[in-house]
Amino acid sequence: MQSKLCSTFVAICIAWCTLAMAHAADLYQPDTYQSLTSDRRASRVGDIVTILVYENSTASNTADTSTRTNVGVQGNVSTMWAGNNAAQIGLGDNYGGRGQIQRTGRLLAQISAHVTQTEANGELIVAGEQAIDVNGEKTRIHLQGRVRPVDISASNTVQSNRLADARIDYVGEGFITDRSRPGLIPRFFAWLGLW
């Protein structure tokens, strides 16, 4: 009985010493905390957000110029010997010009972008790139910009018109793209201002 009591006392002392040396680790990490009920919106560096690119631009400029200048001098001279003589001189200039420029652009795409930086005010700097190759025609879309976290929807998407300082590059290369560019001679005449 005494040995049983002694072994129980030793076990309690060992357990107490072990507990005294152990300390609790804090499970709360403020940098990575996310509530269990929160949605999965991008908020930190490395997070992914989907950018819905819908850019539609139309520009139109029309100029119409018309000038008209008429200058005339008339005179009558009458003398006794020659009778009435009349003289008339006139100068005139007419000019009419018309020019019109119209340009339309449209780009629809969905690009997943990484959060590359977070600003002190909470804004996120995002950047992403998408490369597509269809039958040798290569298309690359690159975008970057800054977005407010409130503009990111619950489905972790944001429209491109909500990006501040947005830069969207759409570049294509391949046979069809090469054929759509003007040749060397038209580009030379355009450079001279003759085309």
N, C-alpha and C. Protein backbone atom coordinates (compact mmCIF):
# COMPACT_ATOMS: atom_id res chain seq x y z
N MET A 1 0.82 -1.19 0.00
CA MET A 1 0.00 0.00 0.00
C MET A 1 0.87 1.25 0.00
N GLN A 2 1.92 1.16 0.80
CA GLN A 2 2.80 2.31 0.88
C GLN A 2 3.56 2.48 -0.44
N SER A 3 3.93 1.40 -1.10
CA SER A 3 4.62 1.53 -2.37
C SER A 3 3.69 2.06 -3.45
N LYS A 4 2.41 1.67 -3.33
CA LYS A 4 1.42 2.17 -4.29
C LYS A 4 1.22 3.66 -4.11
N LEU A 5 1.18 4.11 -2.90
CA LEU A 5 1.00 5.52 -2.59
C LEU A 5 2.24 6.31 -3.03
N CYS A 6 3.40 5.71 -2.82
CA CYS A 6 4.65 6.35 -3.20
C CYS A 6 4.75 6.47 -4.72
N SER A 7 4.37 5.43 -5.47
CA SER A 7 4.42 5.50 -6.92
C SER A 7 3.39 6.48 -7.48
N THR A 8 2.25 6.61 -6.85
CA THR A 8 1.24 7.60 -7.27
C THR A 8 1.78 9.01 -7.05
N PHE A 9 2.45 9.23 -5.91
CA PHE A 9 3.00 10.53 -5.61
C PHE A 9 4.10 10.90 -6.62
N VAL A 10 4.94 9.92 -6.98
CA VAL A 10 6.00 10.17 -7.95
C VAL A 10 5.39 10.50 -9.32
N ALA A 11 4.33 9.77 -9.71
CA ALA A 11 3.67 10.03 -10.99
C ALA A 11 3.07 11.43 -11.03
N ILE A 12 2.49 11.86 -9.91
CA ILE A 12 1.90 13.21 -9.84
C ILE A 12 3.00 14.26 -9.94
N CYS A 13 4.13 14.03 -9.27
CA CYS A 13 5.24 14.99 -9.32
C CYS A 13 5.80 15.11 -10.74
N ILE A 14 5.94 13.97 -11.43
CA ILE A 14 6.45 13.99 -12.80
C ILE A 14 5.48 14.72 -13.73
N ALA A 15 4.19 14.47 -13.56
CA ALA A 15 3.18 15.15 -14.39
C ALA A 15 3.17 16.64 -14.12
N TRP A 16 3.33 17.03 -12.85
CA TRP A 16 3.32 18.45 -12.50
C TRP A 16 4.56 19.14 -13.07
N CYS A 17 5.71 18.49 -13.00
CA CYS A 17 6.94 19.07 -13.56
C CYS A 17 6.84 19.22 -15.07
N THR A 18 6.24 18.22 -15.74
CA THR A 18 6.07 18.28 -17.19
C THR A 18 5.15 19.43 -17.58
N LEU A 19 4.05 19.57 -16.83
CA LEU A 19 3.11 20.66 -17.13
C LEU A 19 3.72 22.02 -16.85
N ALA A 20 4.57 22.10 -15.85
CA ALA A 20 5.19 23.38 -15.51
C ALA A 20 6.16 23.82 -16.61
N MET A 21 6.81 22.87 -17.27
CA MET A 21 7.75 23.21 -18.33
C MET A 21 7.03 23.51 -19.65
N ALA A 22 5.88 22.93 -19.86
CA ALA A 22 5.15 23.13 -21.12
C ALA A 22 4.45 24.49 -21.11
N HIS A 23 4.41 25.13 -22.26
CA HIS A 23 3.68 26.39 -22.38
C HIS A 23 2.77 26.29 -23.61
N ALA A 24 1.68 26.98 -23.55
CA ALA A 24 0.69 26.90 -24.63
C ALA A 24 1.13 27.74 -25.82
N ALA A 25 0.94 27.21 -27.03
CA ALA A 25 1.22 27.95 -28.26
C ALA A 25 -0.03 28.71 -28.66
N ASP A 26 0.16 29.92 -29.17
CA ASP A 26 -0.97 30.74 -29.59
C ASP A 26 -1.41 30.29 -30.98
N LEU A 27 -2.65 29.86 -31.10
CA LEU A 27 -3.17 29.40 -32.39
C LEU A 27 -3.58 30.56 -33.29
N TYR A 28 -3.77 31.74 -32.73
CA TYR A 28 -4.19 32.91 -33.50
C TYR A 28 -2.97 33.56 -34.13
N GLN A 29 -2.94 33.63 -35.45
CA GLN A 29 -1.88 34.32 -36.19
C GLN A 29 -2.53 35.49 -36.93
N PRO A 30 -2.27 36.71 -36.54
CA PRO A 30 -2.97 37.84 -37.16
C PRO A 30 -2.69 38.00 -38.65
N ASP A 31 -1.53 37.56 -39.13
CA ASP A 31 -1.20 37.71 -40.55
C ASP A 31 -1.99 36.76 -41.44
N THR A 32 -2.32 35.59 -40.94
CA THR A 32 -2.96 34.57 -41.76
C THR A 32 -4.37 34.25 -41.29
N TYR A 33 -4.91 35.02 -40.35
CA TYR A 33 -6.23 34.69 -39.82
C TYR A 33 -7.32 34.90 -40.87
N GLN A 34 -8.18 33.93 -40.97
CA GLN A 34 -9.36 34.04 -41.83
C GLN A 34 -10.50 33.32 -41.13
N SER A 35 -11.59 34.01 -40.95
CA SER A 35 -12.73 33.43 -40.25
C SER A 35 -13.26 32.22 -41.00
N LEU A 36 -13.81 31.27 -40.26
CA LEU A 36 -14.38 30.09 -40.89
C LEU A 36 -15.59 30.43 -41.74
N THR A 37 -16.25 31.54 -41.44
CA THR A 37 -17.44 31.92 -42.20
C THR A 37 -17.15 32.93 -43.31
N SER A 38 -15.87 33.30 -43.47
CA SER A 38 -15.57 34.28 -44.51
C SER A 38 -15.50 33.61 -45.88
N ASP A 39 -15.65 34.42 -46.93
CA ASP A 39 -15.54 33.87 -48.29
C ASP A 39 -14.07 33.82 -48.70
N ARG A 40 -13.81 33.34 -49.86
CA ARG A 40 -12.44 33.11 -50.31
C ARG A 40 -12.00 34.19 -51.30
N ARG A 41 -12.17 35.45 -50.96
CA ARG A 41 -11.71 36.54 -51.81
C ARG A 41 -10.22 36.74 -51.65
N ALA A 42 -9.58 37.17 -52.71
CA ALA A 42 -8.14 37.46 -52.66
C ALA A 42 -7.90 38.63 -51.71
N SER A 43 -6.91 38.47 -50.84
CA SER A 43 -6.63 39.55 -49.90
C SER A 43 -5.15 39.66 -49.54
N ARG A 44 -4.34 38.65 -49.91
CA ARG A 44 -2.93 38.65 -49.53
C ARG A 44 -2.07 38.41 -50.77
N VAL A 45 -0.78 38.70 -50.62
CA VAL A 45 0.17 38.45 -51.70
C VAL A 45 0.17 36.96 -52.01
N GLY A 46 0.08 36.64 -53.29
CA GLY A 46 0.05 35.25 -53.72
C GLY A 46 -1.33 34.73 -54.00
N ASP A 47 -2.37 35.40 -53.48
CA ASP A 47 -3.74 34.97 -53.76
C ASP A 47 -4.07 35.20 -55.23
N ILE A 48 -5.02 34.43 -55.72
CA ILE A 48 -5.42 34.53 -57.13
C ILE A 48 -6.81 35.14 -57.21
N VAL A 49 -6.99 36.06 -58.14
CA VAL A 49 -8.29 36.68 -58.40
C VAL A 49 -8.53 36.62 -59.90
N THR A 50 -9.76 36.41 -60.31
CA THR A 50 -10.12 36.34 -61.73
C THR A 50 -10.58 37.71 -62.20
N ILE A 51 -9.95 38.20 -63.25
CA ILE A 51 -10.29 39.49 -63.84
C ILE A 51 -11.19 39.23 -65.05
N LEU A 52 -12.36 39.82 -65.06
CA LEU A 52 -13.28 39.72 -66.20
C LEU A 52 -13.03 40.93 -67.09
N VAL A 53 -12.32 40.70 -68.17
CA VAL A 53 -11.95 41.79 -69.08
C VAL A 53 -13.09 42.00 -70.06
N TYR A 54 -13.71 43.15 -69.98
CA TYR A 54 -14.74 43.55 -70.94
C TYR A 54 -14.46 45.01 -71.29
N GLU A 55 -13.68 45.18 -72.32
CA GLU A 55 -13.31 46.52 -72.76
C GLU A 55 -13.94 46.78 -74.12
N ASN A 56 -14.68 47.86 -74.22
CA ASN A 56 -15.35 48.24 -75.45
C ASN A 56 -15.11 49.72 -75.66
N SER A 57 -14.38 50.07 -76.70
CA SER A 57 -14.07 51.48 -76.92
C SER A 57 -14.43 51.87 -78.34
N THR A 58 -14.98 53.06 -78.46
CA THR A 58 -15.34 53.61 -79.75
C THR A 58 -14.90 55.06 -79.79
N ALA A 59 -14.23 55.44 -80.85
CA ALA A 59 -13.80 56.83 -81.02
C ALA A 59 -14.22 57.30 -82.40
N SER A 60 -14.67 58.54 -82.47
CA SER A 60 -15.09 59.10 -83.74
C SER A 60 -14.72 60.57 -83.77
N ASN A 61 -14.19 61.01 -84.90
CA ASN A 61 -13.81 62.40 -85.05
C ASN A 61 -14.13 62.81 -86.48
N THR A 62 -14.84 63.90 -86.64
CA THR A 62 -15.21 64.39 -87.96
C THR A 62 -14.83 65.86 -88.07
N ALA A 63 -14.23 66.21 -89.19
CA ALA A 63 -13.88 67.61 -89.44
C ALA A 63 -14.41 68.00 -90.81
N ASP A 64 -15.02 69.16 -90.89
CA ASP A 64 -15.58 69.66 -92.14
C ASP A 64 -15.15 71.13 -92.27
N THR A 65 -14.41 71.42 -93.31
CA THR A 65 -13.88 72.77 -93.51
C THR A 65 -14.32 73.31 -94.85
N SER A 66 -14.77 74.55 -94.84
CA SER A 66 -15.17 75.18 -96.09
C SER A 66 -14.81 76.66 -96.01
N THR A 67 -14.06 77.14 -96.98
CA THR A 67 -13.73 78.56 -97.03
C THR A 67 -14.02 79.09 -98.42
N ARG A 68 -14.38 80.34 -98.49
CA ARG A 68 -14.67 80.98 -99.76
C ARG A 68 -14.23 82.44 -99.67
N THR A 69 -13.46 82.85 -100.65
CA THR A 69 -12.96 84.21 -100.69
C THR A 69 -13.22 84.78 -102.08
N ASN A 70 -13.84 85.94 -102.15
CA ASN A 70 -14.07 86.63 -103.42
C ASN A 70 -13.65 88.09 -103.26
N VAL A 71 -12.85 88.54 -104.17
CA VAL A 71 -12.42 89.94 -104.19
C VAL A 71 -12.70 90.46 -105.60
N GLY A 72 -13.32 91.57 -105.67
CA GLY A 72 -13.63 92.12 -106.99
C GLY A 72 -13.44 93.63 -107.04
N VAL A 73 -13.06 94.11 -108.19
CA VAL A 73 -12.92 95.56 -108.44
C VAL A 73 -13.66 95.87 -109.73
N GLN A 74 -14.52 96.84 -109.68
CA GLN A 74 -15.26 97.25 -110.87
C GLN A 74 -15.05 98.74 -111.09
N GLY A 75 -15.13 99.11 -112.31
CA GLY A 75 -14.99 100.54 -112.61
C GLY A 75 -15.60 100.89 -113.96
N ASN A 76 -16.10 102.04 -114.07
CA ASN A 76 -16.63 102.56 -115.33
C ASN A 76 -15.88 103.83 -115.68
N VAL A 77 -15.54 103.91 -116.91
CA VAL A 77 -14.87 105.11 -117.41
C VAL A 77 -15.69 105.62 -118.60
N SER A 78 -16.03 106.87 -118.57
CA SER A 78 -16.71 107.39 -119.74
C SER A 78 -15.99 108.65 -120.22
N THR A 79 -15.79 108.65 -121.47
CA THR A 79 -15.13 109.79 -122.10
C THR A 79 -15.98 110.23 -123.30
N MET A 80 -15.74 111.39 -123.79
CA MET A 80 -16.50 111.88 -124.91
C MET A 80 -16.15 111.16 -126.19
N TRP A 81 -14.97 110.80 -126.37
CA TRP A 81 -14.55 110.17 -127.63
C TRP A 81 -14.85 108.68 -127.70
N ALA A 82 -14.68 107.98 -126.53
CA ALA A 82 -14.82 106.52 -126.58
C ALA A 82 -16.15 106.03 -126.06
N GLY A 83 -16.89 106.84 -125.47
CA GLY A 83 -18.16 106.41 -124.92
C GLY A 83 -17.97 105.78 -123.54
N ASN A 84 -18.86 104.90 -123.18
CA ASN A 84 -18.76 104.22 -121.88
C ASN A 84 -17.92 102.96 -122.02
N ASN A 85 -16.90 102.86 -121.25
CA ASN A 85 -16.07 101.65 -121.16
C ASN A 85 -16.17 101.11 -119.74
N ALA A 86 -16.29 99.85 -119.64
CA ALA A 86 -16.37 99.22 -118.31
C ALA A 86 -15.25 98.21 -118.16
N ALA A 87 -14.73 98.12 -116.95
CA ALA A 87 -13.68 97.15 -116.65
C ALA A 87 -14.04 96.44 -115.34
N GLN A 88 -13.68 95.20 -115.28
CA GLN A 88 -13.98 94.42 -114.07
C GLN A 88 -12.86 93.41 -113.84
N ILE A 89 -12.38 93.36 -112.63
CA ILE A 89 -11.35 92.40 -112.24
C ILE A 89 -11.90 91.65 -111.03
N GLY A 90 -11.73 90.35 -111.04
CA GLY A 90 -12.21 89.56 -109.90
C GLY A 90 -11.23 88.45 -109.55
N LEU A 91 -11.09 88.16 -108.31
CA LEU A 91 -10.28 87.07 -107.80
C LEU A 91 -11.15 86.25 -106.86
N GLY A 92 -10.96 84.97 -106.86
CA GLY A 92 -11.75 84.13 -105.98
C GLY A 92 -11.00 82.87 -105.59
N ASP A 93 -11.37 82.32 -104.48
CA ASP A 93 -10.76 81.07 -104.01
C ASP A 93 -11.81 80.30 -103.24
N ASN A 94 -11.97 79.08 -103.61
CA ASN A 94 -12.89 78.20 -102.89
C ASN A 94 -12.10 76.98 -102.41
N TYR A 95 -12.35 76.57 -101.17
CA TYR A 95 -11.70 75.38 -100.63
C TYR A 95 -12.72 74.64 -99.77
N GLY A 96 -12.75 73.36 -99.96
CA GLY A 96 -13.62 72.53 -99.13
C GLY A 96 -12.85 71.26 -98.77
N GLY A 97 -12.90 70.89 -97.52
CA GLY A 97 -12.21 69.69 -97.07
C GLY A 97 -13.06 68.95 -96.05
N ARG A 98 -12.92 67.66 -96.06
CA ARG A 98 -13.69 66.86 -95.12
C ARG A 98 -12.83 65.68 -94.69
N GLY A 99 -12.85 65.36 -93.43
CA GLY A 99 -12.12 64.21 -92.91
C GLY A 99 -12.92 63.52 -91.83
N GLN A 100 -12.72 62.23 -91.72
CA GLN A 100 -13.45 61.48 -90.71
C GLN A 100 -12.59 60.31 -90.25
N ILE A 101 -12.54 60.12 -88.93
CA ILE A 101 -11.81 59.00 -88.32
C ILE A 101 -12.78 58.25 -87.42
N GLN A 102 -12.83 56.95 -87.59
CA GLN A 102 -13.64 56.11 -86.71
C GLN A 102 -12.82 54.91 -86.31
N ARG A 103 -12.87 54.57 -85.03
CA ARG A 103 -12.13 53.42 -84.53
C ARG A 103 -12.97 52.73 -83.47
N THR A 104 -13.03 51.42 -83.56
CA THR A 104 -13.78 50.62 -82.60
C THR A 104 -12.91 49.47 -82.14
N GLY A 105 -12.89 49.22 -80.84
CA GLY A 105 -12.12 48.11 -80.29
C GLY A 105 -12.95 47.37 -79.26
N ARG A 106 -12.78 46.05 -79.21
CA ARG A 106 -13.53 45.25 -78.25
C ARG A 106 -12.65 44.09 -77.80
N LEU A 107 -12.61 43.85 -76.51
CA LEU A 107 -11.81 42.77 -75.95
C LEU A 107 -12.60 42.10 -74.83
N LEU A 108 -12.83 40.81 -74.96
CA LEU A 108 -13.52 40.01 -73.95
C LEU A 108 -12.59 38.88 -73.54
N ALA A 109 -12.34 38.73 -72.24
CA ALA A 109 -11.46 37.66 -71.76
C ALA A 109 -11.66 37.49 -70.26
N GLN A 110 -11.24 36.35 -69.76
CA GLN A 110 -11.17 36.08 -68.33
C GLN A 110 -9.74 35.66 -68.03
N ILE A 111 -9.09 36.36 -67.13
CA ILE A 111 -7.70 36.09 -66.81
C ILE A 111 -7.56 35.97 -65.29
N SER A 112 -6.91 34.91 -64.86
CA SER A 112 -6.59 34.76 -63.44
C SER A 112 -5.28 35.50 -63.18
N ALA A 113 -5.29 36.35 -62.16
CA ALA A 113 -4.12 37.17 -61.85
C ALA A 113 -3.71 36.94 -60.40
N HIS A 114 -2.43 37.13 -60.15
CA HIS A 114 -1.89 37.01 -58.79
C HIS A 114 -1.88 38.38 -58.12
N VAL A 115 -2.08 38.37 -56.82
CA VAL A 115 -1.86 39.58 -56.03
C VAL A 115 -0.36 39.66 -55.81
N THR A 116 0.27 40.69 -56.35
CA THR A 116 1.72 40.82 -56.24
C THR A 116 2.16 41.70 -55.09
N GLN A 117 1.23 42.55 -54.61
CA GLN A 117 1.60 43.49 -53.56
C GLN A 117 0.33 44.00 -52.90
N THR A 118 0.42 44.31 -51.62
CA THR A 118 -0.69 44.97 -50.93
C THR A 118 -0.21 46.34 -50.46
N GLU A 119 -1.04 47.34 -50.69
CA GLU A 119 -0.69 48.70 -50.30
C GLU A 119 -1.11 48.96 -48.85
N ALA A 120 -0.60 50.03 -48.28
CA ALA A 120 -0.92 50.38 -46.89
C ALA A 120 -2.41 50.70 -46.72
N ASN A 121 -3.05 51.22 -47.78
CA ASN A 121 -4.47 51.55 -47.69
C ASN A 121 -5.37 50.35 -47.97
N GLY A 122 -4.78 49.17 -48.20
CA GLY A 122 -5.56 47.96 -48.42
C GLY A 122 -5.74 47.58 -49.88
N GLU A 123 -5.36 48.46 -50.80
CA GLU A 123 -5.50 48.13 -52.22
C GLU A 123 -4.55 47.01 -52.60
N LEU A 124 -4.95 46.22 -53.58
CA LEU A 124 -4.17 45.09 -54.04
C LEU A 124 -3.60 45.39 -55.43
N ILE A 125 -2.33 45.12 -55.63
CA ILE A 125 -1.71 45.23 -56.94
C ILE A 125 -1.76 43.84 -57.56
N VAL A 126 -2.40 43.74 -58.74
CA VAL A 126 -2.58 42.44 -59.39
C VAL A 126 -1.91 42.46 -60.77
N ALA A 127 -1.46 41.28 -61.19
CA ALA A 127 -0.86 41.13 -62.51
C ALA A 127 -1.10 39.71 -62.97
N GLY A 128 -1.38 39.56 -64.26
CA GLY A 128 -1.61 38.23 -64.81
C GLY A 128 -1.34 38.21 -66.30
N GLU A 129 -1.13 37.02 -66.82
CA GLU A 129 -0.84 36.86 -68.23
C GLU A 129 -1.50 35.58 -68.72
N GLN A 130 -1.97 35.63 -69.94
CA GLN A 130 -2.60 34.46 -70.56
C GLN A 130 -2.05 34.33 -71.98
N ALA A 131 -1.59 33.13 -72.31
CA ALA A 131 -1.06 32.87 -73.65
C ALA A 131 -1.90 31.78 -74.30
N ILE A 132 -2.35 32.04 -75.53
CA ILE A 132 -3.19 31.10 -76.26
C ILE A 132 -2.53 30.84 -77.61
N ASP A 133 -2.47 29.57 -78.00
CA ASP A 133 -1.91 29.18 -79.29
C ASP A 133 -2.94 28.32 -80.00
N VAL A 134 -3.50 28.84 -81.09
CA VAL A 134 -4.49 28.10 -81.89
C VAL A 134 -3.96 28.01 -83.31
N ASN A 135 -3.59 26.80 -83.72
CA ASN A 135 -3.11 26.55 -85.08
C ASN A 135 -2.00 27.50 -85.51
N GLY A 136 -1.06 27.75 -84.64
CA GLY A 136 0.07 28.62 -84.97
C GLY A 136 -0.17 30.10 -84.75
N GLU A 137 -1.41 30.49 -84.50
CA GLU A 137 -1.71 31.89 -84.18
C GLU A 137 -1.59 32.06 -82.67
N LYS A 138 -0.61 32.84 -82.25
CA LYS A 138 -0.35 33.02 -80.83
C LYS A 138 -0.92 34.35 -80.37
N THR A 139 -1.61 34.30 -79.26
CA THR A 139 -2.20 35.49 -78.67
C THR A 139 -1.75 35.56 -77.22
N ARG A 140 -1.31 36.73 -76.79
CA ARG A 140 -0.89 36.92 -75.41
C ARG A 140 -1.63 38.14 -74.85
N ILE A 141 -2.23 37.94 -73.69
CA ILE A 141 -2.91 39.03 -73.00
C ILE A 141 -2.20 39.22 -71.66
N HIS A 142 -1.76 40.42 -71.41
CA HIS A 142 -1.08 40.74 -70.15
C HIS A 142 -1.83 41.92 -69.52
N LEU A 143 -2.12 41.80 -68.23
CA LEU A 143 -2.78 42.91 -67.55
C LEU A 143 -2.17 43.13 -66.18
N GLN A 144 -2.27 44.35 -65.73
CA GLN A 144 -1.86 44.71 -64.38
C GLN A 144 -2.65 45.94 -63.96
N GLY A 145 -2.78 46.11 -62.66
CA GLY A 145 -3.52 47.25 -62.13
C GLY A 145 -3.69 47.12 -60.63
N ARG A 146 -4.45 48.03 -60.08
CA ARG A 146 -4.72 48.03 -58.64
C ARG A 146 -6.22 47.93 -58.43
N VAL A 147 -6.62 47.19 -57.42
CA VAL A 147 -8.03 46.96 -57.17
C VAL A 147 -8.31 47.10 -55.67
N ARG A 148 -9.47 47.66 -55.37
CA ARG A 148 -9.90 47.75 -53.98
C ARG A 148 -10.53 46.42 -53.58
N PRO A 149 -10.30 45.94 -52.37
CA PRO A 149 -10.91 44.66 -51.95
C PRO A 149 -12.44 44.68 -52.00
N VAL A 150 -13.07 45.84 -51.83
CA VAL A 150 -14.53 45.90 -51.87
C VAL A 150 -15.07 45.68 -53.28
N ASP A 151 -14.23 45.85 -54.30
CA ASP A 151 -14.66 45.63 -55.68
C ASP A 151 -14.58 44.17 -56.10
N ILE A 152 -13.99 43.34 -55.26
CA ILE A 152 -13.90 41.91 -55.57
C ILE A 152 -15.19 41.25 -55.10
N SER A 153 -15.89 40.56 -56.01
CA SER A 153 -17.17 39.94 -55.68
C SER A 153 -16.97 38.70 -54.82
N ALA A 154 -18.06 38.16 -54.32
CA ALA A 154 -18.01 36.96 -53.47
C ALA A 154 -17.48 35.76 -54.23
N SER A 155 -17.58 35.78 -55.55
CA SER A 155 -17.05 34.67 -56.37
C SER A 155 -15.58 34.89 -56.74
N ASN A 156 -14.93 35.86 -56.09
CA ASN A 156 -13.51 36.17 -56.29
C ASN A 156 -13.22 36.64 -57.71
N THR A 157 -14.10 37.44 -58.26
CA THR A 157 -13.91 38.03 -59.58
C THR A 157 -14.03 39.55 -59.48
N VAL A 158 -13.39 40.22 -60.40
CA VAL A 158 -13.48 41.68 -60.47
C VAL A 158 -13.50 42.08 -61.94
N GLN A 159 -14.31 43.07 -62.29
CA GLN A 159 -14.38 43.55 -63.67
C GLN A 159 -13.20 44.46 -63.96
N SER A 160 -12.75 44.42 -65.20
CA SER A 160 -11.56 45.19 -65.58
C SER A 160 -11.78 46.69 -65.47
N ASN A 161 -13.03 47.13 -65.56
CA ASN A 161 -13.28 48.57 -65.42
C ASN A 161 -13.18 49.03 -63.97
N ARG A 162 -12.96 48.11 -63.04
CA ARG A 162 -12.74 48.45 -61.63
C ARG A 162 -11.25 48.51 -61.29
N LEU A 163 -10.39 48.22 -62.25
CA LEU A 163 -8.95 48.31 -62.02
C LEU A 163 -8.49 49.74 -62.20
N ALA A 164 -7.78 50.25 -61.21
CA ALA A 164 -7.17 51.57 -61.35
C ALA A 164 -5.78 51.38 -61.95
N ASP A 165 -5.31 52.38 -62.66
CA ASP A 165 -4.01 52.32 -63.34
C ASP A 165 -3.89 51.04 -64.16
N ALA A 166 -4.98 50.67 -64.82
CA ALA A 166 -5.01 49.41 -65.57
C ALA A 166 -4.16 49.52 -66.83
N ARG A 167 -3.47 48.44 -67.11
CA ARG A 167 -2.71 48.32 -68.34
C ARG A 167 -3.03 46.95 -68.90
N ILE A 168 -3.66 46.93 -70.06
CA ILE A 168 -4.05 45.68 -70.70
C ILE A 168 -3.40 45.65 -72.08
N ASP A 169 -2.54 44.67 -72.30
CA ASP A 169 -1.85 44.50 -73.58
C ASP A 169 -2.38 43.25 -74.25
N TYR A 170 -2.77 43.38 -75.51
CA TYR A 170 -3.26 42.25 -76.30
C TYR A 170 -2.39 42.19 -77.55
N VAL A 171 -1.58 41.15 -77.63
CA VAL A 171 -0.60 41.04 -78.71
C VAL A 171 -0.82 39.71 -79.42
N GLY A 172 -0.85 39.75 -80.75
CA GLY A 172 -0.99 38.54 -81.54
C GLY A 172 0.15 38.40 -82.53
N GLU A 173 0.50 37.17 -82.83
CA GLU A 173 1.51 36.93 -83.85
C GLU A 173 1.19 35.62 -84.56
N GLY A 174 1.54 35.58 -85.82
CA GLY A 174 1.25 34.42 -86.65
C GLY A 174 0.99 34.86 -88.08
N PHE A 175 0.61 33.92 -88.93
CA PHE A 175 0.42 34.18 -90.35
C PHE A 175 -0.69 35.21 -90.59
N ILE A 176 -1.83 35.04 -89.95
CA ILE A 176 -2.97 35.95 -90.17
C ILE A 176 -2.64 37.34 -89.66
N THR A 177 -1.99 37.43 -88.51
CA THR A 177 -1.61 38.73 -87.96
C THR A 177 -0.62 39.43 -88.87
N ASP A 178 0.35 38.67 -89.41
CA ASP A 178 1.33 39.26 -90.33
C ASP A 178 0.67 39.78 -91.60
N ARG A 179 -0.31 39.05 -92.11
CA ARG A 179 -0.98 39.46 -93.36
C ARG A 179 -1.90 40.67 -93.15
N SER A 180 -2.30 40.94 -91.93
CA SER A 180 -3.19 42.08 -91.69
C SER A 180 -2.42 43.39 -91.56
N ARG A 181 -1.10 43.32 -91.47
CA ARG A 181 -0.30 44.54 -91.38
C ARG A 181 0.00 45.07 -92.78
N PRO A 182 0.09 46.39 -92.95
CA PRO A 182 0.43 46.92 -94.28
C PRO A 182 1.86 46.55 -94.65
N GLY A 183 2.11 46.51 -95.94
CA GLY A 183 3.43 46.15 -96.45
C GLY A 183 4.43 47.27 -96.26
N LEU A 184 5.65 47.03 -96.75
CA LEU A 184 6.75 47.96 -96.59
C LEU A 184 6.52 49.27 -97.35
N ILE A 185 6.04 49.19 -98.58
CA ILE A 185 5.84 50.39 -99.39
C ILE A 185 4.74 51.30 -98.81
N PRO A 186 3.55 50.77 -98.44
CA PRO A 186 2.57 51.66 -97.82
C PRO A 186 3.06 52.26 -96.50
N ARG A 187 3.84 51.49 -95.72
CA ARG A 187 4.37 52.05 -94.47
C ARG A 187 5.39 53.16 -94.75
N PHE A 188 6.18 53.01 -95.82
CA PHE A 188 7.16 54.05 -96.19
C PHE A 188 6.42 55.32 -96.62
N PHE A 189 5.40 55.18 -97.47
CA PHE A 189 4.63 56.36 -97.90
C PHE A 189 3.89 57.00 -96.71
N ALA A 190 3.41 56.20 -95.79
CA ALA A 190 2.76 56.76 -94.60
C ALA A 190 3.76 57.50 -93.73
N TRP A 191 4.98 56.99 -93.64
CA TRP A 191 6.01 57.65 -92.88
C TRP A 191 6.36 59.01 -93.49
N LEU A 192 6.35 59.07 -94.86
CA LEU A 192 6.60 60.34 -95.53
C LEU A 192 5.41 61.28 -95.48
N GLY A 193 4.26 60.78 -95.08
CA GLY A 193 3.05 61.59 -95.03
C GLY A 193 2.33 61.68 -96.35
N LEU A 194 2.65 60.79 -97.26
CA LEU A 194 2.03 60.81 -98.59
C LEU A 194 0.84 59.86 -98.69
N TRP A 195 0.62 59.04 -97.72
CA TRP A 195 -0.46 58.05 -97.80
C TRP A 195 -1.50 58.33 -96.77
